[in-house]
C-alpha atoms as a PDB file:
ATOM      1  CA  MET A   1    -120.304  -6.134-197.974  1.00  0.00           C
ATOM      2  CA  THR A   2    -117.407  -7.139-200.448  1.00  0.00           C
ATOM      3  CA  HIS A   3    -118.004  -8.761-203.738  1.00  0.00           C
ATOM      4  CA  ASP A   4    -115.060 -10.572-205.899  1.00  0.00           C
ATOM      5  CA  VAL A   5    -115.092 -10.216-209.048  1.00  0.00           C
ATOM      6  CA  ALA A   6    -113.026 -12.310-211.167  1.00  0.00           C
ATOM      7  CA  VAL A   7    -110.195 -10.393-213.403  1.00  0.00           C
ATOM      8  CA  HIS A   8    -107.804 -12.186-215.265  1.00  0.00           C
ATOM      9  CA  VAL A   9    -104.175 -10.839-214.638  1.00  0.00           C
ATOM     10  CA  HIS A  10    -101.283 -12.677-216.147  1.00  0.00           C
ATOM     11  CA  ASP A  11     -98.068 -12.390-213.809  1.00  0.00           C
ATOM     12  CA  PRO A  12     -95.617 -10.126-214.856  1.00  0.00           C
ATOM     13  CA  ASP A  13     -92.808 -12.426-214.192  1.00  0.00           C
ATOM     14  CA  PRO A  14     -93.961 -15.977-213.949  1.00  0.00           C
ATOM     15  CA  PRO A  15     -91.901 -18.999-212.632  1.00  0.00           C
ATOM     16  CA  GLN A  16     -89.024 -20.356-215.185  1.00  0.00           C
ATOM     17  CA  GLY A  17     -91.163 -22.395-217.508  1.00  0.00           C
ATOM     18  CA  THR A  18     -94.724 -21.990-216.673  1.00  0.00           C
ATOM     19  CA  GLY A  19     -96.289 -19.205-217.611  1.00  0.00           C
ATOM     20  CA  CYS A  20    -100.290 -18.097-217.098  1.00  0.00           C
ATOM     21  CA  VAL A  21    -101.904 -21.257-216.823  1.00  0.00           C
ATOM     22  CA  CYS A  22    -105.687 -20.878-217.010  1.00  0.00           C
ATOM     23  CA  GLY A  23    -108.959 -22.976-216.689  1.00  0.00           C
ATOM     24  CA  LYS A  24    -108.741 -26.234-215.160  1.00  0.00           C
ATOM     25  CA  GLU A  25    -105.288 -26.717-216.549  1.00  0.00           C
ATOM     26  CA  LYS A  26    -103.274 -29.156-214.205  1.00  0.00           C
ATOM     27  CA  TRP A  27    -100.993 -27.517-211.507  1.00  0.00           C
ATOM     28  CA  GLY A  28     -97.187 -27.941-212.381  1.00  0.00           C
ATOM     29  CA  ALA A  29     -94.474 -28.419-209.558  1.00  0.00           C
ATOM     30  CA  GLN A  30     -93.506 -24.969-209.894  1.00  0.00           C
ATOM     31  CA  GLU A  31     -96.360 -23.160-209.534  1.00  0.00           C
ATOM     32  CA  TRP A  32     -97.406 -24.908-206.497  1.00  0.00           C
ATOM     33  CA  ILE A  33     -93.754 -23.923-205.400  1.00  0.00           C
ATOM     34  CA  ARG A  34     -94.674 -20.606-205.955  1.00  0.00           C
ATOM     35  CA  VAL A  35     -97.991 -20.348-204.020  1.00  0.00           C
ATOM     36  CA  LYS A  36     -96.249 -21.978-200.973  1.00  0.00           C
ATOM     37  CA  HIS A  37     -93.733 -19.271-201.432  1.00  0.00           C
ATOM     38  CA  LEU A  38     -96.239 -16.686-201.721  1.00  0.00           C
ATOM     39  CA  ILE A  39     -98.338 -18.295-198.840  1.00  0.00           C
ATOM     40  CA  GLY A  40     -94.762 -18.082-196.709  1.00  0.00           C
ATOM     41  CA  ARG A  41     -94.683 -14.422-197.492  1.00  0.00           C
ATOM     42  CA  GLY A  42     -98.144 -13.336-195.947  1.00  0.00           C
ATOM     43  CA  HIS A  43    -100.055 -13.290-199.498  1.00  0.00           C
ATOM     44  CA  ASP A  44    -103.699 -14.004-199.326  1.00  0.00           C
ATOM     45  CA  VAL A  45    -105.515 -16.483-201.503  1.00  0.00           C
ATOM     46  CA  ALA A  46    -107.260 -13.369-203.774  1.00  0.00           C
ATOM     47  CA  SER A  47    -103.581 -11.937-204.422  1.00  0.00           C
ATOM     48  CA  ILE A  48    -102.062 -15.168-205.115  1.00  0.00           C
ATOM     49  CA  ALA A  49    -104.832 -15.991-207.310  1.00  0.00           C
ATOM     50  CA  LEU A  50    -104.224 -12.540-209.699  1.00  0.00           C
ATOM     51  CA  MET A  51    -100.745 -12.712-209.670  1.00  0.00           C
ATOM     52  CA  ILE A  52    -100.734 -16.598-210.935  1.00  0.00           C
ATOM     53  CA  GLY A  53    -103.543 -16.185-213.604  1.00  0.00           C
ATOM     54  CA  ARG A  54    -105.929 -19.062-211.624  1.00  0.00           C
ATOM     55  CA  SER A  55    -108.771 -18.419-209.868  1.00  0.00           C
ATOM     56  CA  ARG A  56    -109.733 -18.129-205.957  1.00  0.00           C
ATOM     57  CA  GLU A  57    -111.483 -21.987-205.870  1.00  0.00           C
ATOM     58  CA  GLN A  58    -108.708 -23.462-208.087  1.00  0.00           C
ATOM     59  CA  VAL A  59    -106.147 -21.790-205.611  1.00  0.00           C
ATOM     60  CA  LYS A  60    -108.354 -22.884-202.253  1.00  0.00           C
ATOM     61  CA  GLY A  61    -109.049 -25.805-203.573  1.00  0.00           C
ATOM     62  CA  LYS A  62    -105.384 -26.718-204.444  1.00  0.00           C
ATOM     63  CA  ILE A  63    -104.413 -25.500-200.822  1.00  0.00           C
ATOM     64  CA  ARG A  64    -107.141 -28.115-199.596  1.00  0.00           C
ATOM     65  CA  TRP A  65    -105.898 -31.099-201.747  1.00  0.00           C
ATOM     66  CA  GLU A  66    -102.108 -30.696-200.911  1.00  0.00           C
ATOM     67  CA  ASN A  67    -102.641 -30.711-196.910  1.00  0.00           C
ATOM     68  CA  MET A  68    -104.913 -33.826-197.239  1.00  0.00           C
ATOM     69  CA  SER A  69    -103.851 -36.915-196.351  1.00  0.00           C
ATOM     70  CA  ALA A  70    -102.967 -39.749-199.019  1.00  0.00           C
ATOM     71  CA  GLU A  71    -105.852 -41.761-197.575  1.00  0.00           C
ATOM     72  CA  LYS A  72    -107.921 -38.771-197.854  1.00  0.00           C
ATOM     73  CA  ARG A  73    -106.896 -38.449-201.167  1.00  0.00           C
ATOM     74  CA  GLN A  74    -107.421 -41.929-202.622  1.00  0.00           C
ATOM     75  CA  ALA A  75    -110.544 -42.073-200.604  1.00  0.00           C
ATOM     76  CA  ARG A  76    -112.039 -38.704-203.015  1.00  0.00           C
ATOM     77  CA  ARG A  77    -110.826 -40.184-206.226  1.00  0.00           C
ATOM     78  CA  ASP A  78    -112.617 -43.526-205.352  1.00  0.00           C
ATOM     79  CA  ARG A  79    -115.479 -41.719-204.790  1.00  0.00           C
ATOM     80  CA  ILE A  80    -115.376 -39.648-207.762  1.00  0.00           C
ATOM     81  CA  ASN A  81    -114.490 -42.056-210.027  1.00  0.00           C
ATOM     82  CA  ALA A  82    -117.622 -43.960-208.809  1.00  0.00           C
ATOM     83  CA  ARG A  83    -120.081 -41.265-209.563  1.00  0.00           C
ATOM     84  CA  ARG A  84    -118.733 -41.156-213.064  1.00  0.00           C
ATOM     85  CA  ASN A  85    -118.968 -44.740-213.894  1.00  0.00           C
ATOM     86  CA  GLU A  86    -122.474 -44.832-212.038  1.00  0.00           C
ATOM     87  CA  SER A  87    -123.263 -41.509-214.367  1.00  0.00           C
ATOM     88  CA  GLY A  88    -121.831 -43.188-217.560  1.00  0.00           C
ATOM     89  CA  GLU A  89    -119.530 -40.428-217.892  1.00  0.00           C
ATOM     90  CA  TYR A  90    -116.915 -43.023-218.834  1.00  0.00           C
ATOM     91  CA  ARG A  91    -119.001 -44.923-221.134  1.00  0.00           C
ATOM     92  CA  SER A  92    -117.625 -45.341-224.565  1.00  0.00           C
ATOM     93  CA  THR A  93    -120.275 -45.029-227.440  1.00  0.00           C
ATOM     94  CA  PRO A  94    -119.437 -44.779-230.937  1.00  0.00           C
ATOM     95  CA  ARG A  95    -119.242 -41.057-232.551  1.00  0.00           C
ATOM     96  CA  PRO A  96    -122.568 -40.431-234.874  1.00  0.00           C
ATOM     97  CA  ASP A  97    -119.971 -38.745-237.496  1.00  0.00           C
ATOM     98  CA  LYS A  98    -117.384 -41.487-237.292  1.00  0.00           C
ATOM     99  CA  PRO A  99    -118.436 -45.543-239.017  1.00  0.00           C
ATOM    100  CA  THR A 100    -117.160 -48.095-236.967  1.00  0.00           C
ATOM    101  CA  ILE A 101    -114.652 -49.955-238.890  1.00  0.00           C
ATOM    102  CA  THR A 102    -113.960 -53.618-238.451  1.00  0.00           C
ATOM    103  CA  HIS A 103    -110.717 -55.064-240.224  1.00  0.00           C
ATOM    104  CA  ARG A 104    -111.260 -58.759-241.022  1.00  0.00           C
ATOM    105  CA  ALA A 105    -108.668 -60.277-243.017  1.00  0.00           C
ATOM    106  CA  PRO A 106    -109.666 -61.956-246.093  1.00  0.00           C
ATOM    107  CA  PRO A 107    -110.230 -65.753-246.486  1.00  0.00           C
ATOM    108  CA  GLU A 108    -106.919 -66.091-249.175  1.00  0.00           C
ATOM    109  CA  ALA A 109    -105.031 -64.240-246.560  1.00  0.00           C
ATOM    110  CA  LEU A 110    -106.121 -66.413-243.511  1.00  0.00           C
ATOM    111  CA  ALA A 111    -105.917 -70.042-246.059  1.00  0.00           C
ATOM    112  CA  GLU A 112    -102.401 -69.091-246.937  1.00  0.00           C
ATOM    113  CA  ARG A 113    -101.408 -68.550-243.025  1.00  0.00           C
ATOM    114  CA  ALA A 114    -102.763 -71.729-242.038  1.00  0.00           C
ATOM    115  CA  MET A 115    -100.840 -73.163-245.060  1.00  0.00           C
ATOM    116  CA  ARG A 116     -97.427 -71.433-243.980  1.00  0.00           C
ATOM    117  CA  LEU A 117     -98.268 -72.688-240.296  1.00  0.00           C
ATOM    118  CA  SER A 118     -98.229 -76.147-240.937  1.00  0.00           C
ATOM    119  CA  ALA A 119     -95.701 -76.386-243.630  1.00  0.00           C
ATOM    120  CA  PRO A 120     -92.541 -78.453-242.091  1.00  0.00           C
ATOM    121  CA  GLN A 121     -90.404 -76.440-240.773  1.00  0.00           C
ATOM    122  CA  THR A 122     -86.602 -76.965-240.902  1.00  0.00           C
ATOM    123  CA  LEU A 123     -83.866 -76.024-237.861  1.00  0.00           C
ATOM    124  CA  THR A 124     -82.387 -72.930-239.468  1.00  0.00           C
ATOM    125  CA  GLY A 125     -86.138 -71.836-239.813  1.00  0.00           C
ATOM    126  CA  ALA A 126     -86.847 -72.371-236.338  1.00  0.00           C
ATOM    127  CA  PHE A 127     -83.795 -71.049-234.841  1.00  0.00           C
ATOM    128  CA  CYS A 128     -82.994 -68.418-237.798  1.00  0.00           C
ATOM    129  CA  GLY A 129     -86.503 -67.259-238.836  1.00  0.00           C
ATOM    130  CA  ASP A 130     -86.069 -68.860-242.775  1.00  0.00           C
ATOM    131  CA  PRO A 131     -89.464 -69.323-244.353  1.00  0.00           C
ATOM    132  CA  PRO A 132     -90.869 -72.734-244.123  1.00  0.00           C
ATOM    133  CA  ILE A 133     -90.028 -75.434-247.088  1.00  0.00           C
ATOM    134  CA  GLY A 134     -91.851 -74.486-250.053  1.00  0.00           C
ATOM    135  CA  PHE A 135     -92.555 -70.769-249.111  1.00  0.00           C
ATOM    136  CA  SER A 136     -89.360 -69.113-250.009  1.00  0.00           C
ATOM    137  CA  ALA A 137     -89.080 -66.573-253.034  1.00  0.00           C
ATOM    138  CA  LEU A 138     -86.888 -69.078-254.279  1.00  0.00           C
ATOM    139  CA  ASP A 139     -89.226 -72.090-253.901  1.00  0.00           C
ATOM    140  CA  ARG A 140     -92.167 -70.125-255.495  1.00  0.00           C
ATOM    141  CA  LYS A 141     -89.967 -68.871-258.465  1.00  0.00           C
ATOM    142  CA  LEU A 142     -89.225 -72.692-259.289  1.00  0.00           C
ATOM    143  CA  SER A 143     -92.675 -74.017-259.095  1.00  0.00           C
ATOM    144  CA  GLY A 144     -93.729 -71.089-261.769  1.00  0.00           C
ATOM    145  CA  LYS A 145     -96.155 -69.172-258.969  1.00  0.00           C
ATOM    146  CA  ALA A 146     -96.314 -65.448-260.703  1.00  0.00           C
ATOM    147  CA  GLU A 147     -95.140 -63.035-258.013  1.00  0.00           C
ATOM    148  CA  GLU A 148     -97.150 -59.815-257.531  1.00  0.00           C
ATOM    149  CA  PRO A 149     -95.479 -56.833-258.428  1.00  0.00           C
ATOM    150  CA  TYR A 150     -94.178 -54.756-255.789  1.00  0.00           C
ATOM    151  CA  ILE A 151     -95.383 -51.013-255.185  1.00  0.00           C
ATOM    152  CA  ASP A 152     -93.110 -48.965-253.347  1.00  0.00           C
ATOM    153  CA  HIS A 153     -95.843 -46.320-252.256  1.00  0.00           C
ATOM    154  CA  SER A 154     -93.196 -43.817-250.816  1.00  0.00           C
ATOM    155  CA  LEU A 155     -91.627 -43.774-254.924  1.00  0.00           C
ATOM    156  CA  ALA A 156     -94.916 -43.793-256.474  1.00  0.00           C
ATOM    157  CA  GLN A 157     -95.847 -40.646-254.525  1.00  0.00           C
ATOM    158  CA  LEU A 158     -92.488 -39.075-256.022  1.00  0.00           C
ATOM    159  CA  GLN A 159     -93.208 -40.005-259.683  1.00  0.00           C
ATOM    160  CA  ARG A 160     -95.019 -37.682-261.936  1.00  0.00           C
ATOM    161  CA  LYS A 161     -98.703 -37.915-262.052  1.00  0.00           C
ATOM    162  CA  PRO A 162     -99.928 -37.893-265.461  1.00  0.00           C
ATOM    163  CA  SER A 163    -101.553 -34.650-266.673  1.00  0.00           C
ATOM    164  CA  LEU A 164    -105.332 -34.437-268.550  1.00  0.00           C
ATOM    165  CA  VAL A 165    -104.198 -31.537-270.380  1.00  0.00           C
ATOM    166  CA  PRO A 166    -102.669 -33.088-274.044  1.00  0.00           C
ATOM    167  CA  VAL A 167     -98.925 -32.654-274.286  1.00  0.00           C
ATOM    168  CA  PRO A 168     -98.128 -31.041-277.960  1.00  0.00           C
ATOM    169  CA  ALA A 169     -96.114 -33.173-280.142  1.00  0.00           C
END
């Protein structure tokens, strides 16, 4: 009776761009081509698994999957997804360490939006995207509405920050 011991051996000559893939990583196309080549040269599953750095079960499962018809593959995917949906594996639950944040627009912004949408529009506004009558920067300036100062945050981060240490005079 032989006992299989899982030994992780890196392939000294992996195919270009694949490296050694361990764990339940996706199979790359080059990796599967290499497995088919090794099977064609007469290697058994255990030696192939050692050469490519995967377990025997992964290699056997991949061979089984690739030999399956498209209908059987789809049926298997459907069974797996149904089981996951029943068990709640796909169910989304909020994480306890992250508070849920809801973003709501302030009422002033909603009121301004309603005013902009109800304002009469000119042909150039409809075709070129000009602001509605009374909402251009010139209209606001002529009506005496104060503009909020624009803060360029990218430049504000580059400016020197005030120091708490008194500067000698």
